[in-house]
N, C-alpha and C. Protein backbone atom coordinates (compact mmCIF):
# COMPACT_ATOMS: atom_id res chain seq x y z
N UNK A 1 60.06 180.80 58.71
CA UNK A 1 59.12 180.08 57.84
C UNK A 1 59.48 180.40 56.40
N UNK A 2 59.61 179.39 55.60
CA UNK A 2 59.97 179.60 54.19
C UNK A 2 58.73 179.96 53.43
N UNK A 3 58.92 180.42 52.18
CA UNK A 3 57.75 180.76 51.35
C UNK A 3 56.92 179.53 51.02
N UNK A 4 57.58 178.37 50.86
CA UNK A 4 56.85 177.15 50.58
C UNK A 4 55.98 176.75 51.76
N UNK A 5 56.55 176.85 52.97
CA UNK A 5 55.74 176.56 54.18
C UNK A 5 54.59 177.48 54.31
N UNK A 6 54.75 178.76 53.96
CA UNK A 6 53.67 179.73 54.07
C UNK A 6 52.59 179.40 53.06
N UNK A 7 52.97 179.04 51.87
CA UNK A 7 51.98 178.69 50.84
C UNK A 7 51.21 177.47 51.19
N UNK A 8 51.90 176.53 51.82
CA UNK A 8 51.26 175.23 52.07
C UNK A 8 50.68 175.15 53.51
N UNK A 9 50.61 176.30 54.18
CA UNK A 9 50.14 176.33 55.58
C UNK A 9 48.75 175.73 55.77
N UNK A 10 47.86 175.90 54.81
CA UNK A 10 46.51 175.35 54.92
C UNK A 10 46.53 173.85 54.74
N UNK A 11 47.50 173.31 54.06
CA UNK A 11 47.60 171.82 53.86
C UNK A 11 47.87 171.13 55.20
N UNK A 12 48.51 171.83 56.11
CA UNK A 12 48.86 171.21 57.38
C UNK A 12 47.84 171.45 58.50
N UNK A 13 46.70 172.01 58.09
CA UNK A 13 45.58 172.30 59.01
C UNK A 13 46.05 173.09 60.25
N UNK A 14 46.85 174.13 59.98
CA UNK A 14 47.34 175.00 61.06
C UNK A 14 46.36 176.17 61.24
N UNK A 15 45.16 175.85 61.53
CA UNK A 15 44.16 176.90 61.72
C UNK A 15 44.08 177.47 63.13
N UNK A 16 44.74 176.83 64.09
CA UNK A 16 44.71 177.32 65.46
C UNK A 16 45.55 178.54 65.72
N UNK A 17 46.63 178.66 64.98
CA UNK A 17 47.56 179.75 65.19
C UNK A 17 47.40 180.82 64.09
N UNK A 18 47.07 182.02 64.45
CA UNK A 18 46.86 183.11 63.46
C UNK A 18 48.20 183.78 63.20
N UNK A 19 48.50 184.04 61.96
CA UNK A 19 49.71 184.76 61.61
C UNK A 19 49.35 186.21 61.51
N UNK A 20 50.09 187.01 62.26
CA UNK A 20 49.85 188.46 62.27
C UNK A 20 50.58 189.13 61.13
N UNK A 21 50.10 190.32 60.74
CA UNK A 21 50.77 191.10 59.70
C UNK A 21 52.20 191.31 60.04
N UNK A 22 52.50 191.61 61.27
CA UNK A 22 53.86 191.87 61.72
C UNK A 22 54.80 190.65 61.49
N UNK A 23 54.21 189.50 61.79
CA UNK A 23 54.98 188.27 61.56
C UNK A 23 55.30 188.07 60.06
N UNK A 24 54.36 188.34 59.20
CA UNK A 24 54.55 188.23 57.74
C UNK A 24 55.65 189.22 57.31
N UNK A 25 55.55 190.46 57.80
CA UNK A 25 56.57 191.47 57.47
C UNK A 25 57.94 191.04 57.89
N UNK A 26 58.02 190.52 59.11
CA UNK A 26 59.34 190.05 59.63
C UNK A 26 59.86 188.89 58.78
N UNK A 27 58.99 187.96 58.36
CA UNK A 27 59.47 186.85 57.51
C UNK A 27 60.02 187.39 56.19
N UNK A 28 59.32 188.36 55.60
CA UNK A 28 59.77 188.92 54.34
C UNK A 28 61.10 189.62 54.47
N UNK A 29 61.19 190.44 55.55
CA UNK A 29 62.45 191.17 55.78
C UNK A 29 63.56 190.27 56.00
N UNK A 30 63.40 189.19 56.78
CA UNK A 30 64.54 188.23 57.00
C UNK A 30 64.97 187.56 55.73
N UNK A 31 63.99 187.24 54.84
CA UNK A 31 64.35 186.64 53.57
C UNK A 31 65.06 187.63 52.66
N UNK A 32 64.68 188.90 52.70
CA UNK A 32 65.38 189.94 51.93
C UNK A 32 66.79 190.08 52.42
N UNK A 33 67.02 190.05 53.71
CA UNK A 33 68.34 190.16 54.29
C UNK A 33 69.23 188.97 53.84
N UNK A 34 68.65 187.80 53.83
CA UNK A 34 69.40 186.59 53.37
C UNK A 34 69.81 186.79 51.93
N UNK A 35 68.95 187.32 51.07
CA UNK A 35 69.28 187.54 49.69
C UNK A 35 70.36 188.58 49.54
N UNK A 36 70.32 189.64 50.37
CA UNK A 36 71.33 190.64 50.27
C UNK A 36 72.71 190.09 50.68
N UNK A 37 72.74 189.31 51.71
CA UNK A 37 73.95 188.64 52.18
C UNK A 37 74.49 187.74 51.12
N UNK A 38 73.64 186.97 50.43
CA UNK A 38 74.10 186.10 49.35
C UNK A 38 74.73 186.92 48.22
N UNK A 39 74.18 188.05 47.91
CA UNK A 39 74.73 188.89 46.82
C UNK A 39 76.09 189.44 47.20
N UNK A 40 76.39 189.61 48.49
CA UNK A 40 77.65 190.18 48.89
C UNK A 40 78.83 189.22 48.84
N UNK A 41 78.53 187.95 48.60
CA UNK A 41 79.59 186.98 48.54
C UNK A 41 80.35 187.21 47.21
N UNK A 42 81.64 187.55 47.37
CA UNK A 42 82.45 187.89 46.21
C UNK A 42 83.11 186.64 45.63
N UNK A 43 83.08 186.49 44.34
CA UNK A 43 83.71 185.40 43.66
C UNK A 43 85.19 185.73 43.37
N UNK A 44 86.01 184.77 43.47
CA UNK A 44 87.43 185.06 43.21
C UNK A 44 87.65 185.35 41.73
N UNK A 45 88.58 186.25 41.43
CA UNK A 45 88.88 186.58 40.06
C UNK A 45 89.75 185.48 39.48
N UNK A 46 89.49 185.07 38.26
CA UNK A 46 90.23 184.02 37.57
C UNK A 46 90.81 184.64 36.40
N UNK A 47 92.13 184.37 36.21
CA UNK A 47 92.80 184.97 35.05
C UNK A 47 92.41 184.21 33.77
N UNK A 48 92.62 184.83 32.66
CA UNK A 48 92.30 184.25 31.35
C UNK A 48 93.14 183.00 31.14
N UNK A 49 94.40 183.01 31.52
CA UNK A 49 95.22 181.85 31.33
C UNK A 49 94.73 180.65 32.16
N UNK A 50 94.28 180.91 33.40
CA UNK A 50 93.75 179.80 34.25
C UNK A 50 92.46 179.29 33.67
N UNK A 51 91.59 180.15 33.19
CA UNK A 51 90.34 179.76 32.58
C UNK A 51 90.58 178.86 31.37
N UNK A 52 91.54 179.28 30.53
CA UNK A 52 91.86 178.49 29.32
C UNK A 52 92.46 177.13 29.71
N UNK A 53 93.32 177.12 30.69
CA UNK A 53 93.93 175.89 31.13
C UNK A 53 92.85 174.91 31.67
N UNK A 54 91.90 175.48 32.39
CA UNK A 54 90.79 174.61 32.89
C UNK A 54 89.93 174.11 31.77
N UNK A 55 89.74 174.96 30.74
CA UNK A 55 88.93 174.53 29.58
C UNK A 55 89.66 173.39 28.84
N UNK A 56 90.98 173.54 28.75
CA UNK A 56 91.76 172.43 28.09
C UNK A 56 91.62 171.14 28.85
N UNK A 57 91.63 171.21 30.21
CA UNK A 57 91.51 169.97 30.99
C UNK A 57 90.15 169.35 30.79
N UNK A 58 89.08 170.14 30.75
CA UNK A 58 87.73 169.68 30.54
C UNK A 58 87.58 169.05 29.17
N UNK A 59 88.16 169.70 28.15
CA UNK A 59 88.12 169.17 26.77
C UNK A 59 88.82 167.86 26.68
N UNK A 60 89.97 167.74 27.38
CA UNK A 60 90.74 166.51 27.35
C UNK A 60 89.92 165.41 28.06
N UNK A 61 89.23 165.74 29.15
CA UNK A 61 88.45 164.76 29.85
C UNK A 61 87.32 164.25 28.92
N UNK A 62 86.66 165.15 28.20
CA UNK A 62 85.57 164.72 27.26
C UNK A 62 86.19 163.84 26.18
N UNK A 63 87.37 164.15 25.72
CA UNK A 63 88.01 163.34 24.68
C UNK A 63 88.28 161.93 25.18
N UNK A 64 88.76 161.77 26.42
CA UNK A 64 89.02 160.49 27.05
C UNK A 64 87.69 159.71 27.23
N UNK A 65 86.69 160.39 27.69
CA UNK A 65 85.39 159.74 27.87
C UNK A 65 84.84 159.23 26.55
N UNK A 66 85.01 160.07 25.51
CA UNK A 66 84.53 159.70 24.18
C UNK A 66 85.29 158.48 23.67
N UNK A 67 86.62 158.42 23.90
CA UNK A 67 87.39 157.34 23.42
C UNK A 67 87.03 156.04 24.19
N UNK A 68 86.80 156.18 25.47
CA UNK A 68 86.39 154.99 26.25
C UNK A 68 84.98 154.48 25.77
N UNK A 69 84.14 155.32 25.45
CA UNK A 69 82.80 154.89 24.99
C UNK A 69 82.89 154.19 23.63
N UNK A 70 83.91 154.54 22.82
CA UNK A 70 84.04 153.92 21.52
C UNK A 70 84.61 152.53 21.62
N UNK A 71 85.20 152.18 22.74
CA UNK A 71 85.81 150.82 22.89
C UNK A 71 84.79 149.78 23.06
């Protein structure tokens, strides 16, 4: 159950099923574990020369778009 679902639980008239404290703790723990796993995703290192080359490409693209809009 996501945080949004938990917040909106009363909007769905889900009064028949009681959520136990243990269920809430398990939901929070699973969300924390998801966040920890997301933090562990390592981003590739990009050299300065590659970053500058990419910036040149983007700048050139904006120049072309600007020239097209002037036509």
